[in-house]
């Protein structure tokens, strides 16, 4: 068993996890569910059903606990990597076209 952390989508604070994130695990800081789409490595707002895992069942409520067996804790602190990339690209584009 390896020790790692899950960063909560809501408060961005880490919760230590010994082996896997259980279906009923909650954030130690804000009490939000941890086994949710928004905390998953496969969560992507731009993907079909907002999930990059093609075999996963559709989950309507992305911020509520679910029973998806493809869940992998995201390694990003508090937000999805695709969203971070989008924000970075937008900032770079604005800087490029900014009038001096």
N, C-alpha and C. Protein backbone atom coordinates (compact mmCIF):
# COMPACT_ATOMS: atom_id res chain seq x y z
N UNK A 1 0.83 -1.18 0.00
CA UNK A 1 0.00 0.00 0.00
C UNK A 1 0.88 1.25 0.00
N UNK A 2 0.50 2.20 -0.82
CA UNK A 2 1.28 3.43 -0.88
C UNK A 2 0.47 4.59 -0.33
N UNK A 3 1.16 5.50 0.34
CA UNK A 3 0.52 6.69 0.86
C UNK A 3 0.55 7.77 -0.21
N UNK A 4 -0.58 8.41 -0.44
CA UNK A 4 -0.63 9.53 -1.36
C UNK A 4 -1.74 10.47 -0.91
N UNK A 5 -1.94 11.54 -1.65
CA UNK A 5 -2.92 12.54 -1.28
C UNK A 5 -3.93 12.73 -2.40
N UNK A 6 -5.13 13.13 -2.02
CA UNK A 6 -6.15 13.53 -2.96
C UNK A 6 -6.46 14.98 -2.66
N UNK A 7 -6.41 15.82 -3.70
CA UNK A 7 -6.72 17.22 -3.52
C UNK A 7 -8.20 17.45 -3.80
N UNK A 8 -8.89 18.04 -2.86
CA UNK A 8 -10.32 18.28 -2.97
C UNK A 8 -10.62 19.30 -4.07
N UNK A 9 -11.62 19.01 -4.91
CA UNK A 9 -12.00 19.92 -5.98
C UNK A 9 -12.58 21.22 -5.42
N UNK A 10 -13.15 21.16 -4.23
CA UNK A 10 -13.85 22.30 -3.65
C UNK A 10 -12.91 23.26 -2.91
N UNK A 11 -12.08 22.72 -1.99
CA UNK A 11 -11.23 23.59 -1.17
C UNK A 11 -9.75 23.52 -1.56
N UNK A 12 -9.39 22.62 -2.47
CA UNK A 12 -8.01 22.45 -2.96
C UNK A 12 -7.02 21.96 -1.91
N UNK A 13 -7.51 21.50 -0.77
CA UNK A 13 -6.62 21.01 0.28
C UNK A 13 -6.44 19.50 0.17
N UNK A 14 -5.26 18.99 0.56
CA UNK A 14 -4.99 17.56 0.44
C UNK A 14 -5.59 16.74 1.58
N UNK A 15 -6.02 15.54 1.24
CA UNK A 15 -6.46 14.54 2.20
C UNK A 15 -5.62 13.30 1.96
N UNK A 16 -4.93 12.81 2.98
CA UNK A 16 -4.09 11.62 2.79
C UNK A 16 -4.95 10.37 2.57
N UNK A 17 -4.51 9.53 1.64
CA UNK A 17 -5.19 8.28 1.32
C UNK A 17 -4.16 7.17 1.41
N UNK A 18 -4.49 6.09 2.12
CA UNK A 18 -3.54 5.00 2.32
C UNK A 18 -3.46 4.11 1.08
N UNK A 19 -4.59 3.68 0.53
CA UNK A 19 -4.54 2.80 -0.64
C UNK A 19 -5.39 3.32 -1.79
N UNK A 20 -6.70 3.37 -1.60
CA UNK A 20 -7.59 3.87 -2.65
C UNK A 20 -8.60 4.83 -2.04
N UNK A 21 -9.26 5.60 -2.88
CA UNK A 21 -10.32 6.50 -2.42
C UNK A 21 -11.61 5.69 -2.39
N UNK A 22 -12.19 5.58 -1.22
CA UNK A 22 -13.44 4.84 -1.07
C UNK A 22 -14.63 5.63 -1.57
N UNK A 23 -15.72 4.93 -1.84
CA UNK A 23 -16.93 5.58 -2.36
C UNK A 23 -17.51 6.58 -1.37
N UNK A 24 -17.23 6.41 -0.09
CA UNK A 24 -17.79 7.29 0.94
C UNK A 24 -16.76 8.20 1.60
N UNK A 25 -15.54 8.22 1.11
CA UNK A 25 -14.51 9.07 1.71
C UNK A 25 -14.84 10.54 1.51
N UNK A 26 -14.50 11.34 2.52
CA UNK A 26 -14.77 12.78 2.49
C UNK A 26 -13.49 13.57 2.74
N UNK A 27 -13.48 14.80 2.28
CA UNK A 27 -12.37 15.72 2.52
C UNK A 27 -12.30 16.01 4.02
N UNK A 28 -11.12 15.94 4.57
CA UNK A 28 -10.94 16.22 6.00
C UNK A 28 -11.18 17.68 6.34
N UNK A 29 -11.08 18.56 5.36
CA UNK A 29 -11.15 20.00 5.61
C UNK A 29 -12.55 20.59 5.40
N UNK A 30 -13.25 20.18 4.35
CA UNK A 30 -14.55 20.79 4.06
C UNK A 30 -15.71 19.79 4.06
N UNK A 31 -15.41 18.50 4.14
CA UNK A 31 -16.47 17.49 4.22
C UNK A 31 -17.06 17.07 2.89
N UNK A 32 -16.55 17.58 1.77
CA UNK A 32 -17.06 17.19 0.45
C UNK A 32 -16.64 15.76 0.13
N UNK A 33 -17.44 15.09 -0.71
CA UNK A 33 -17.10 13.74 -1.16
C UNK A 33 -15.79 13.79 -1.96
N UNK A 34 -14.98 12.74 -1.86
CA UNK A 34 -13.73 12.67 -2.61
C UNK A 34 -13.83 11.82 -3.87
N UNK A 35 -14.69 10.79 -3.84
CA UNK A 35 -14.83 9.89 -5.00
C UNK A 35 -15.83 10.51 -5.97
N UNK A 36 -15.43 11.64 -6.57
CA UNK A 36 -16.29 12.39 -7.49
C UNK A 36 -15.54 12.64 -8.78
N UNK A 37 -16.28 12.89 -9.84
CA UNK A 37 -15.67 13.12 -11.15
C UNK A 37 -14.64 14.26 -11.12
N UNK A 38 -14.95 15.33 -10.43
CA UNK A 38 -14.07 16.50 -10.44
C UNK A 38 -12.75 16.25 -9.72
N UNK A 39 -12.63 15.14 -8.99
CA UNK A 39 -11.36 14.78 -8.36
C UNK A 39 -10.65 13.68 -9.14
N UNK A 40 -11.16 13.31 -10.29
CA UNK A 40 -10.63 12.19 -11.06
C UNK A 40 -9.66 12.66 -12.15
N UNK A 41 -8.66 11.84 -12.38
CA UNK A 41 -7.67 12.11 -13.43
C UNK A 41 -8.32 12.16 -14.82
N UNK A 42 -9.42 11.45 -15.01
CA UNK A 42 -10.07 11.39 -16.32
C UNK A 42 -11.07 12.52 -16.56
N UNK A 43 -11.35 13.31 -15.54
CA UNK A 43 -12.31 14.41 -15.70
C UNK A 43 -11.76 15.46 -16.65
N UNK A 44 -12.56 15.81 -17.65
CA UNK A 44 -12.16 16.81 -18.65
C UNK A 44 -13.43 17.46 -19.19
N UNK A 45 -13.60 18.73 -18.92
CA UNK A 45 -14.82 19.43 -19.35
C UNK A 45 -15.00 19.43 -20.86
N UNK A 46 -13.93 19.26 -21.61
CA UNK A 46 -14.03 19.31 -23.07
C UNK A 46 -14.30 17.94 -23.70
N UNK A 47 -14.23 16.88 -22.92
CA UNK A 47 -14.43 15.52 -23.44
C UNK A 47 -15.92 15.14 -23.43
N UNK A 48 -16.25 14.13 -24.22
CA UNK A 48 -17.60 13.59 -24.25
C UNK A 48 -17.97 13.12 -22.84
N UNK A 49 -19.13 13.53 -22.34
CA UNK A 49 -19.58 13.24 -20.97
C UNK A 49 -18.61 13.76 -19.91
N UNK A 50 -17.74 14.67 -20.31
CA UNK A 50 -16.73 15.27 -19.42
C UNK A 50 -15.80 14.22 -18.80
N UNK A 51 -15.53 13.16 -19.56
CA UNK A 51 -14.66 12.08 -19.08
C UNK A 51 -13.82 11.53 -20.24
N UNK A 52 -12.50 11.40 -19.99
CA UNK A 52 -11.61 10.86 -21.03
C UNK A 52 -11.56 9.33 -21.02
N UNK A 53 -12.21 8.68 -20.05
CA UNK A 53 -12.25 7.22 -20.00
C UNK A 53 -13.44 6.76 -20.85
N UNK A 54 -13.20 6.16 -22.01
CA UNK A 54 -14.29 5.81 -22.93
C UNK A 54 -15.23 4.73 -22.41
N UNK A 55 -14.79 3.89 -21.49
CA UNK A 55 -15.64 2.80 -21.00
C UNK A 55 -16.47 3.18 -19.78
N UNK A 56 -16.24 4.35 -19.22
CA UNK A 56 -16.96 4.75 -18.00
C UNK A 56 -18.42 5.07 -18.31
N UNK A 57 -19.28 4.72 -17.37
CA UNK A 57 -20.69 5.08 -17.48
C UNK A 57 -20.85 6.58 -17.28
N UNK A 58 -21.92 7.14 -17.83
CA UNK A 58 -22.18 8.57 -17.70
C UNK A 58 -22.57 8.88 -16.25
N UNK A 59 -21.98 9.94 -15.72
CA UNK A 59 -22.32 10.43 -14.38
C UNK A 59 -22.81 11.86 -14.55
N UNK A 60 -24.05 12.11 -14.13
CA UNK A 60 -24.62 13.44 -14.31
C UNK A 60 -24.09 14.46 -13.31
N UNK A 61 -24.00 14.08 -12.05
CA UNK A 61 -23.58 15.01 -11.00
C UNK A 61 -22.09 14.83 -10.72
N UNK A 62 -21.28 15.71 -11.27
CA UNK A 62 -19.82 15.59 -11.23
C UNK A 62 -19.23 15.92 -9.86
N UNK A 63 -20.01 16.53 -8.97
CA UNK A 63 -19.51 16.92 -7.65
C UNK A 63 -20.07 16.04 -6.53
N UNK A 64 -20.74 14.96 -6.87
CA UNK A 64 -21.32 14.05 -5.87
C UNK A 64 -20.66 12.69 -5.98
N UNK A 65 -20.61 11.98 -4.85
CA UNK A 65 -19.99 10.65 -4.82
C UNK A 65 -20.66 9.74 -5.84
N UNK A 66 -19.86 8.88 -6.48
CA UNK A 66 -20.38 7.94 -7.46
C UNK A 66 -19.64 6.62 -7.33
N UNK A 67 -20.09 5.63 -8.08
CA UNK A 67 -19.52 4.30 -7.99
C UNK A 67 -18.68 3.94 -9.22
N UNK A 68 -18.14 4.93 -9.90
CA UNK A 68 -17.32 4.68 -11.09
C UNK A 68 -16.07 3.88 -10.69
N UNK A 69 -15.88 2.75 -11.35
CA UNK A 69 -14.75 1.89 -11.05
C UNK A 69 -13.47 2.33 -11.77
N UNK A 70 -13.57 3.33 -12.64
CA UNK A 70 -12.40 3.84 -13.35
C UNK A 70 -11.76 5.03 -12.63
N UNK A 71 -12.31 5.41 -11.50
CA UNK A 71 -11.83 6.58 -10.76
C UNK A 71 -10.34 6.46 -10.43
N UNK A 72 -9.59 7.51 -10.80
CA UNK A 72 -8.17 7.64 -10.47
C UNK A 72 -8.00 9.03 -9.86
N UNK A 73 -7.48 9.13 -8.64
CA UNK A 73 -7.33 10.45 -8.03
C UNK A 73 -6.46 11.37 -8.88
N UNK A 74 -6.92 12.56 -9.09
CA UNK A 74 -6.16 13.54 -9.86
C UNK A 74 -4.92 13.96 -9.10
N UNK A 75 -3.84 14.19 -9.80
CA UNK A 75 -2.60 14.63 -9.19
C UNK A 75 -2.50 16.15 -9.18
N UNK A 76 -3.54 16.83 -9.68
CA UNK A 76 -3.57 18.29 -9.71
C UNK A 76 -4.15 18.82 -8.41
N UNK A 77 -3.63 19.91 -7.96
CA UNK A 77 -4.11 20.54 -6.73
C UNK A 77 -5.33 21.39 -7.00
N UNK A 78 -6.49 20.87 -6.67
CA UNK A 78 -7.70 21.66 -6.68
C UNK A 78 -8.41 21.87 -8.00
N UNK A 79 -7.81 21.54 -9.11
CA UNK A 79 -8.51 21.70 -10.38
C UNK A 79 -7.96 20.73 -11.41
N UNK A 80 -8.68 20.62 -12.46
CA UNK A 80 -8.34 19.70 -13.53
C UNK A 80 -7.19 20.25 -14.37
N UNK A 81 -6.30 19.39 -14.83
CA UNK A 81 -5.16 19.80 -15.63
C UNK A 81 -5.56 20.46 -16.94
N UNK A 82 -6.65 19.99 -17.56
CA UNK A 82 -7.11 20.59 -18.81
C UNK A 82 -7.57 22.02 -18.57
N UNK A 83 -8.22 22.27 -17.44
CA UNK A 83 -8.66 23.62 -17.12
C UNK A 83 -7.46 24.52 -16.87
N UNK A 84 -6.44 24.02 -16.17
CA UNK A 84 -5.23 24.79 -15.94
C UNK A 84 -4.55 25.14 -17.26
N UNK A 85 -4.49 24.18 -18.17
CA UNK A 85 -3.88 24.39 -19.48
C UNK A 85 -4.65 25.45 -20.26
N UNK A 86 -5.96 25.39 -20.20
CA UNK A 86 -6.82 26.35 -20.91
C UNK A 86 -6.55 27.76 -20.39
N UNK A 87 -6.49 27.92 -19.07
CA UNK A 87 -6.25 29.23 -18.46
C UNK A 87 -4.88 29.76 -18.85
N UNK A 88 -3.88 28.88 -18.88
CA UNK A 88 -2.53 29.29 -19.24
C UNK A 88 -2.48 29.76 -20.69
N UNK A 89 -3.11 29.02 -21.59
CA UNK A 89 -3.14 29.40 -23.00
C UNK A 89 -3.86 30.73 -23.20
N UNK A 90 -4.96 30.91 -22.50
CA UNK A 90 -5.72 32.16 -22.61
C UNK A 90 -4.88 33.35 -22.14
N UNK A 91 -4.18 33.17 -21.04
CA UNK A 91 -3.33 34.24 -20.51
C UNK A 91 -2.20 34.57 -21.50
N UNK A 92 -1.62 33.55 -22.11
CA UNK A 92 -0.55 33.77 -23.09
C UNK A 92 -1.07 34.51 -24.32
N UNK A 93 -2.26 34.14 -24.78
CA UNK A 93 -2.86 34.80 -25.94
C UNK A 93 -3.17 36.26 -25.64
N UNK A 94 -3.70 36.53 -24.46
CA UNK A 94 -3.99 37.91 -24.07
C UNK A 94 -2.72 38.74 -23.99
N UNK A 95 -1.65 38.16 -23.46
CA UNK A 95 -0.37 38.86 -23.36
C UNK A 95 0.20 39.14 -24.75
N UNK A 96 0.02 38.21 -25.67
CA UNK A 96 0.54 38.36 -27.02
C UNK A 96 -0.12 39.53 -27.76
N UNK A 97 -1.43 39.67 -27.58
CA UNK A 97 -2.18 40.69 -28.31
C UNK A 97 -2.43 41.97 -27.51
N UNK A 98 -1.83 42.06 -26.34
CA UNK A 98 -2.02 43.22 -25.49
C UNK A 98 -1.31 44.43 -26.11
N UNK A 99 -2.02 45.55 -26.17
CA UNK A 99 -1.43 46.78 -26.72
C UNK A 99 -0.52 47.42 -25.68
N UNK A 100 0.59 47.92 -26.17
CA UNK A 100 1.58 48.56 -25.27
C UNK A 100 1.49 50.04 -25.31
